[in-house]
All heavy atoms as atom14 arrays in JSON, in Angstrom:
{
  "sequence": "AHYGALATAGGIAVLAGNFLLGSQLDRALTPS",
  "atom14_mask": [
    [1, 1, 1, 1, 1, 0, 0, 0, 0, 0, 0, 0, 0, 0],
    [1, 1, 1, 1, 1, 1, 1, 1, 1, 1, 0, 0, 0, 0],
    [1, 1, 1, 1, 1, 1, 1, 1, 1, 1, 1, 1, 0, 0],
    [1, 1, 1, 1, 0, 0, 0, 0, 0, 0, 0, 0, 0, 0],
    [1, 1, 1, 1, 1, 0, 0, 0, 0, 0, 0, 0, 0, 0],
    [1, 1, 1, 1, 1, 1, 1, 1, 0, 0, 0, 0, 0, 0],
    [1, 1, 1, 1, 1, 0, 0, 0, 0, 0, 0, 0, 0, 0],
    [1, 1, 1, 1, 1, 1, 1, 0, 0, 0, 0, 0, 0, 0],
    [1, 1, 1, 1, 1, 0, 0, 0, 0, 0, 0, 0, 0, 0],
    [1, 1, 1, 1, 0, 0, 0, 0, 0, 0, 0, 0, 0, 0],
    [1, 1, 1, 1, 0, 0, 0, 0, 0, 0, 0, 0, 0, 0],
    [1, 1, 1, 1, 1, 1, 1, 1, 0, 0, 0, 0, 0, 0],
    [1, 1, 1, 1, 1, 0, 0, 0, 0, 0, 0, 0, 0, 0],
    [1, 1, 1, 1, 1, 1, 1, 0, 0, 0, 0, 0, 0, 0],
    [1, 1, 1, 1, 1, 1, 1, 1, 0, 0, 0, 0, 0, 0],
    [1, 1, 1, 1, 1, 0, 0, 0, 0, 0, 0, 0, 0, 0],
    [1, 1, 1, 1, 0, 0, 0, 0, 0, 0, 0, 0, 0, 0],
    [1, 1, 1, 1, 1, 1, 1, 1, 0, 0, 0, 0, 0, 0],
    [1, 1, 1, 1, 1, 1, 1, 1, 1, 1, 1, 0, 0, 0],
    [1, 1, 1, 1, 1, 1, 1, 1, 0, 0, 0, 0, 0, 0],
    [1, 1, 1, 1, 1, 1, 1, 1, 0, 0, 0, 0, 0, 0],
    [1, 1, 1, 1, 0, 0, 0, 0, 0, 0, 0, 0, 0, 0],
    [1, 1, 1, 1, 1, 1, 0, 0, 0, 0, 0, 0, 0, 0],
    [1, 1, 1, 1, 1, 1, 1, 1, 1, 0, 0, 0, 0, 0],
    [1, 1, 1, 1, 1, 1, 1, 1, 0, 0, 0, 0, 0, 0],
    [1, 1, 1, 1, 1, 1, 1, 1, 0, 0, 0, 0, 0, 0],
    [1, 1, 1, 1, 1, 1, 1, 1, 1, 1, 1, 0, 0, 0],
    [1, 1, 1, 1, 1, 0, 0, 0, 0, 0, 0, 0, 0, 0],
    [1, 1, 1, 1, 1, 1, 1, 1, 0, 0, 0, 0, 0, 0],
    [1, 1, 1, 1, 1, 1, 1, 0, 0, 0, 0, 0, 0, 0],
    [1, 1, 1, 1, 1, 1, 1, 0, 0, 0, 0, 0, 0, 0],
    [1, 1, 1, 1, 1, 1, 0, 0, 0, 0, 0, 0, 0, 0]
  ],
  "atom14_positions": [
    [[19.96, -11.02, -6.35], [19.58, -9.68, -6.8], [18.14, -9.67, -7.32], [17.39, -8.71, -7.09], [20.53, -9.2, -7.89], [0.0, 0.0, 0.0], [0.0, 0.0, 0.0], [0.0, 0.0, 0.0], [0.0, 0.0, 0.0], [0.0, 0.0, 0.0], [0.0, 0.0, 0.0], [0.0, 0.0, 0.0], [0.0, 0.0, 0.0], [0.0, 0.0, 0.0]],
    [[17.75, -10.72, -8.03], [16.39, -10.77, -8.58], [15.35, -10.93, -7.47], [14.3, -10.27, -7.49], [16.27, -11.9, -9.61], [16.85, -11.56, -10.94], [18.21, -11.43, -11.17], [16.25, -11.3, -12.14], [18.42, -11.11, -12.43], [17.24, -11.03, -13.04], [0.0, 0.0, 0.0], [0.0, 0.0, 0.0], [0.0, 0.0, 0.0], [0.0, 0.0, 0.0]],
    [[15.63, -11.81, -6.52], [14.69, -11.95, -5.4], [14.66, -10.67, -4.57], [13.6, -10.27, -4.05], [15.06, -13.15, -4.53], [14.57, -14.46, -5.07], [15.44, -15.43, -5.53], [13.2, -14.75, -5.12], [15.0, -16.64, -6.04], [12.74, -15.96, -5.61], [13.65, -16.9, -6.07], [13.19, -18.1, -6.57], [0.0, 0.0, 0.0], [0.0, 0.0, 0.0]],
    [[15.81, -10.01, -4.44], [15.84, -8.75, -3.72], [15.03, -7.68, -4.43], [14.3, -6.91, -3.79], [0.0, 0.0, 0.0], [0.0, 0.0, 0.0], [0.0, 0.0, 0.0], [0.0, 0.0, 0.0], [0.0, 0.0, 0.0], [0.0, 0.0, 0.0], [0.0, 0.0, 0.0], [0.0, 0.0, 0.0], [0.0, 0.0, 0.0], [0.0, 0.0, 0.0]],
    [[15.13, -7.62, -5.75], [14.34, -6.66, -6.52], [12.85, -6.95, -6.38], [12.04, -6.03, -6.28], [14.76, -6.71, -7.99], [0.0, 0.0, 0.0], [0.0, 0.0, 0.0], [0.0, 0.0, 0.0], [0.0, 0.0, 0.0], [0.0, 0.0, 0.0], [0.0, 0.0, 0.0], [0.0, 0.0, 0.0], [0.0, 0.0, 0.0], [0.0, 0.0, 0.0]],
    [[12.49, -8.23, -6.37], [11.09, -8.61, -6.2], [10.56, -8.13, -4.86], [9.46, -7.56, -4.77], [10.97, -10.14, -6.31], [9.55, -10.71, -6.32], [8.86, -10.42, -7.64], [9.59, -12.23, -6.08], [0.0, 0.0, 0.0], [0.0, 0.0, 0.0], [0.0, 0.0, 0.0], [0.0, 0.0, 0.0], [0.0, 0.0, 0.0], [0.0, 0.0, 0.0]],
    [[11.34, -8.36, -3.79], [10.92, -7.93, -2.47], [10.85, -6.41, -2.36], [9.92, -5.85, -1.77], [11.88, -8.5, -1.41], [0.0, 0.0, 0.0], [0.0, 0.0, 0.0], [0.0, 0.0, 0.0], [0.0, 0.0, 0.0], [0.0, 0.0, 0.0], [0.0, 0.0, 0.0], [0.0, 0.0, 0.0], [0.0, 0.0, 0.0], [0.0, 0.0, 0.0]],
    [[11.83, -5.73, -2.93], [11.87, -4.27, -2.85], [10.7, -3.65, -3.6], [10.1, -2.68, -3.14], [13.2, -3.76, -3.41], [14.28, -4.31, -2.65], [13.26, -2.24, -3.33], [0.0, 0.0, 0.0], [0.0, 0.0, 0.0], [0.0, 0.0, 0.0], [0.0, 0.0, 0.0], [0.0, 0.0, 0.0], [0.0, 0.0, 0.0], [0.0, 0.0, 0.0]],
    [[10.36, -4.21, -4.76], [9.22, -3.68, -5.52], [7.93, -3.82, -4.71], [7.09, -2.91, -4.7], [9.09, -4.42, -6.85], [0.0, 0.0, 0.0], [0.0, 0.0, 0.0], [0.0, 0.0, 0.0], [0.0, 0.0, 0.0], [0.0, 0.0, 0.0], [0.0, 0.0, 0.0], [0.0, 0.0, 0.0], [0.0, 0.0, 0.0], [0.0, 0.0, 0.0]],
    [[7.79, -4.95, -4.01], [6.62, -5.12, -3.15], [6.6, -4.12, -2.02], [5.54, -3.56, -1.69], [0.0, 0.0, 0.0], [0.0, 0.0, 0.0], [0.0, 0.0, 0.0], [0.0, 0.0, 0.0], [0.0, 0.0, 0.0], [0.0, 0.0, 0.0], [0.0, 0.0, 0.0], [0.0, 0.0, 0.0], [0.0, 0.0, 0.0], [0.0, 0.0, 0.0]],
    [[7.77, -3.86, -1.43], [7.83, -2.87, -0.35], [7.46, -1.48, -0.82], [6.76, -0.74, -0.13], [0.0, 0.0, 0.0], [0.0, 0.0, 0.0], [0.0, 0.0, 0.0], [0.0, 0.0, 0.0], [0.0, 0.0, 0.0], [0.0, 0.0, 0.0], [0.0, 0.0, 0.0], [0.0, 0.0, 0.0], [0.0, 0.0, 0.0], [0.0, 0.0, 0.0]],
    [[7.93, -1.11, -2.01], [7.59, 0.2, -2.57], [6.08, 0.29, -2.83], [5.45, 1.33, -2.56], [8.38, 0.46, -3.86], [9.88, 0.61, -3.55], [7.86, 1.7, -4.58], [10.75, 0.68, -4.78], [0.0, 0.0, 0.0], [0.0, 0.0, 0.0], [0.0, 0.0, 0.0], [0.0, 0.0, 0.0], [0.0, 0.0, 0.0], [0.0, 0.0, 0.0]],
    [[5.49, -0.79, -3.33], [4.05, -0.79, -3.61], [3.25, -0.6, -2.32], [2.26, 0.14, -2.3], [3.65, -2.1, -4.29], [0.0, 0.0, 0.0], [0.0, 0.0, 0.0], [0.0, 0.0, 0.0], [0.0, 0.0, 0.0], [0.0, 0.0, 0.0], [0.0, 0.0, 0.0], [0.0, 0.0, 0.0], [0.0, 0.0, 0.0], [0.0, 0.0, 0.0]],
    [[3.68, -1.26, -1.25], [2.98, -1.12, 0.03], [3.12, 0.3, 0.56], [2.16, 0.91, 1.02], [3.51, -2.13, 1.06], [2.9, -1.88, 2.43], [3.2, -3.55, 0.61], [0.0, 0.0, 0.0], [0.0, 0.0, 0.0], [0.0, 0.0, 0.0], [0.0, 0.0, 0.0], [0.0, 0.0, 0.0], [0.0, 0.0, 0.0], [0.0, 0.0, 0.0]],
    [[4.34, 0.83, 0.49], [4.58, 2.19, 1.0], [3.74, 3.21, 0.25], [3.04, 4.04, 0.87], [6.07, 2.51, 0.86], [6.53, 3.89, 1.34], [6.23, 4.07, 2.81], [8.02, 4.08, 1.06], [0.0, 0.0, 0.0], [0.0, 0.0, 0.0], [0.0, 0.0, 0.0], [0.0, 0.0, 0.0], [0.0, 0.0, 0.0], [0.0, 0.0, 0.0]],
    [[3.76, 3.16, -1.08], [3.01, 4.13, -1.88], [1.51, 3.88, -1.78], [0.72, 4.82, -1.6], [3.47, 4.06, -3.34], [0.0, 0.0, 0.0], [0.0, 0.0, 0.0], [0.0, 0.0, 0.0], [0.0, 0.0, 0.0], [0.0, 0.0, 0.0], [0.0, 0.0, 0.0], [0.0, 0.0, 0.0], [0.0, 0.0, 0.0], [0.0, 0.0, 0.0]],
    [[1.11, 2.6, -1.9], [-0.32, 2.28, -1.89], [-0.98, 2.6, -0.56], [-2.07, 3.18, -0.52], [0.0, 0.0, 0.0], [0.0, 0.0, 0.0], [0.0, 0.0, 0.0], [0.0, 0.0, 0.0], [0.0, 0.0, 0.0], [0.0, 0.0, 0.0], [0.0, 0.0, 0.0], [0.0, 0.0, 0.0], [0.0, 0.0, 0.0], [0.0, 0.0, 0.0]],
    [[-0.33, 2.24, 0.55], [-0.91, 2.54, 1.86], [-1.03, 4.04, 2.1], [-2.0, 4.52, 2.68], [-0.07, 1.91, 2.97], [-0.35, 0.43, 3.15], [-1.1, -0.17, 2.37], [0.25, -0.16, 4.15], [0.0, 0.0, 0.0], [0.0, 0.0, 0.0], [0.0, 0.0, 0.0], [0.0, 0.0, 0.0], [0.0, 0.0, 0.0], [0.0, 0.0, 0.0]],
    [[-0.02, 4.78, 1.65], [-0.06, 6.23, 1.84], [-1.19, 6.86, 1.02], [-1.91, 7.73, 1.51], [1.28, 6.84, 1.44], [1.31, 8.35, 1.56], [1.26, 8.96, 2.79], [1.36, 9.14, 0.42], [1.28, 10.35, 2.9], [1.38, 10.52, 0.51], [1.34, 11.13, 1.75], [0.0, 0.0, 0.0], [0.0, 0.0, 0.0], [0.0, 0.0, 0.0]],
    [[-1.36, 6.4, -0.22], [-2.37, 6.99, -1.09], [-3.78, 6.54, -0.73], [-4.74, 7.32, -0.83], [-2.07, 6.63, -2.55], [-0.78, 7.23, -3.13], [-0.52, 6.67, -4.52], [-0.86, 8.75, -3.17], [0.0, 0.0, 0.0], [0.0, 0.0, 0.0], [0.0, 0.0, 0.0], [0.0, 0.0, 0.0], [0.0, 0.0, 0.0], [0.0, 0.0, 0.0]],
    [[-3.93, 5.27, -0.32], [-5.26, 4.72, -0.07], [-5.66, 4.75, 1.39], [-6.83, 4.55, 1.72], [-5.34, 3.29, -0.6], [-5.14, 3.12, -2.1], [-5.11, 1.65, -2.47], [-6.24, 3.84, -2.87], [0.0, 0.0, 0.0], [0.0, 0.0, 0.0], [0.0, 0.0, 0.0], [0.0, 0.0, 0.0], [0.0, 0.0, 0.0], [0.0, 0.0, 0.0]],
    [[-4.69, 4.95, 2.29], [-5.01, 4.93, 3.71], [-6.06, 5.96, 4.09], [-6.99, 5.68, 4.86], [0.0, 0.0, 0.0], [0.0, 0.0, 0.0], [0.0, 0.0, 0.0], [0.0, 0.0, 0.0], [0.0, 0.0, 0.0], [0.0, 0.0, 0.0], [0.0, 0.0, 0.0], [0.0, 0.0, 0.0], [0.0, 0.0, 0.0], [0.0, 0.0, 0.0]],
    [[-5.93, 7.18, 3.55], [-6.92, 8.22, 3.87], [-8.29, 7.87, 3.31], [-9.32, 8.25, 3.87], [-6.45, 9.56, 3.31], [-6.26, 9.5, 1.91], [0.0, 0.0, 0.0], [0.0, 0.0, 0.0], [0.0, 0.0, 0.0], [0.0, 0.0, 0.0], [0.0, 0.0, 0.0], [0.0, 0.0, 0.0], [0.0, 0.0, 0.0], [0.0, 0.0, 0.0]],
    [[-8.33, 7.14, 2.18], [-9.61, 6.72, 1.61], [-10.35, 5.75, 2.53], [-11.59, 5.74, 2.57], [-9.38, 6.08, 0.24], [-8.76, 6.99, -0.8], [-9.67, 8.16, -1.15], [-10.86, 7.99, -1.36], [-9.09, 9.35, -1.17], [0.0, 0.0, 0.0], [0.0, 0.0, 0.0], [0.0, 0.0, 0.0], [0.0, 0.0, 0.0], [0.0, 0.0, 0.0]],
    [[-9.6, 4.96, 3.26], [-10.23, 3.97, 4.14], [-10.97, 4.62, 5.31], [-11.81, 3.97, 5.93], [-9.18, 2.99, 4.67], [-8.72, 1.93, 3.66], [-7.5, 1.19, 4.19], [-9.84, 0.95, 3.36], [0.0, 0.0, 0.0], [0.0, 0.0, 0.0], [0.0, 0.0, 0.0], [0.0, 0.0, 0.0], [0.0, 0.0, 0.0], [0.0, 0.0, 0.0]],
    [[-10.68, 5.89, 5.61], [-11.45, 6.58, 6.64], [-12.93, 6.62, 6.27], [-13.79, 6.64, 7.16], [-10.92, 8.0, 6.83], [-9.58, 8.03, 7.55], [-9.26, 7.06, 8.25], [-8.85, 9.04, 7.39], [0.0, 0.0, 0.0], [0.0, 0.0, 0.0], [0.0, 0.0, 0.0], [0.0, 0.0, 0.0], [0.0, 0.0, 0.0], [0.0, 0.0, 0.0]],
    [[-13.22, 6.61, 4.98], [-14.61, 6.64, 4.51], [-15.32, 5.32, 4.76], [-16.56, 5.26, 4.73], [-14.66, 6.97, 3.03], [-13.97, 8.28, 2.67], [-13.62, 8.36, 1.19], [-14.79, 8.33, 0.33], [-14.73, 8.23, -1.0], [-13.55, 8.13, -1.6], [-15.83, 8.21, -1.71], [0.0, 0.0, 0.0], [0.0, 0.0, 0.0], [0.0, 0.0, 0.0]],
    [[-14.55, 4.25, 4.98], [-15.13, 2.92, 5.15], [-15.35, 2.55, 6.61], [-15.72, 1.42, 6.91], [-14.23, 1.88, 4.49], [0.0, 0.0, 0.0], [0.0, 0.0, 0.0], [0.0, 0.0, 0.0], [0.0, 0.0, 0.0], [0.0, 0.0, 0.0], [0.0, 0.0, 0.0], [0.0, 0.0, 0.0], [0.0, 0.0, 0.0], [0.0, 0.0, 0.0]],
    [[-15.17, 3.5, 7.52], [-15.33, 3.19, 8.94], [-16.78, 3.07, 9.36], [-17.1, 2.42, 10.36], [-14.64, 4.27, 9.79], [-13.1, 4.2, 9.84], [-12.53, 5.47, 10.44], [-12.67, 2.98, 10.65], [0.0, 0.0, 0.0], [0.0, 0.0, 0.0], [0.0, 0.0, 0.0], [0.0, 0.0, 0.0], [0.0, 0.0, 0.0], [0.0, 0.0, 0.0]],
    [[-17.69, 3.71, 8.61], [-19.12, 3.65, 8.92], [-19.88, 3.2, 7.68], [-19.5, 3.52, 6.55], [-19.64, 5.03, 9.36], [-19.33, 6.0, 8.35], [-19.0, 5.46, 10.67], [0.0, 0.0, 0.0], [0.0, 0.0, 0.0], [0.0, 0.0, 0.0], [0.0, 0.0, 0.0], [0.0, 0.0, 0.0], [0.0, 0.0, 0.0], [0.0, 0.0, 0.0]],
    [[-20.97, 2.44, 7.87], [-21.75, 1.95, 6.71], [-22.34, 3.11, 5.91], [-23.06, 3.95, 6.44], [-22.86, 1.12, 7.37], [-22.35, 0.78, 8.73], [-21.51, 1.94, 9.15], [0.0, 0.0, 0.0], [0.0, 0.0, 0.0], [0.0, 0.0, 0.0], [0.0, 0.0, 0.0], [0.0, 0.0, 0.0], [0.0, 0.0, 0.0], [0.0, 0.0, 0.0]],
    [[-22.01, 3.16, 4.63], [-22.53, 4.18, 3.74], [-22.13, 3.82, 2.32], [-21.29, 2.94, 2.09], [-21.98, 5.57, 4.09], [-20.58, 5.61, 3.86], [0.0, 0.0, 0.0], [0.0, 0.0, 0.0], [0.0, 0.0, 0.0], [0.0, 0.0, 0.0], [0.0, 0.0, 0.0], [0.0, 0.0, 0.0], [0.0, 0.0, 0.0], [0.0, 0.0, 0.0]]
  ]
}
């Protein structure tokens, strides 16, 4: 259960973080 919670927390972080920061990375496609 503890290892499962550890893995699940990481999955939630990736899901939320990628969704929130993915659009920001569009700004990094060109040097500026």
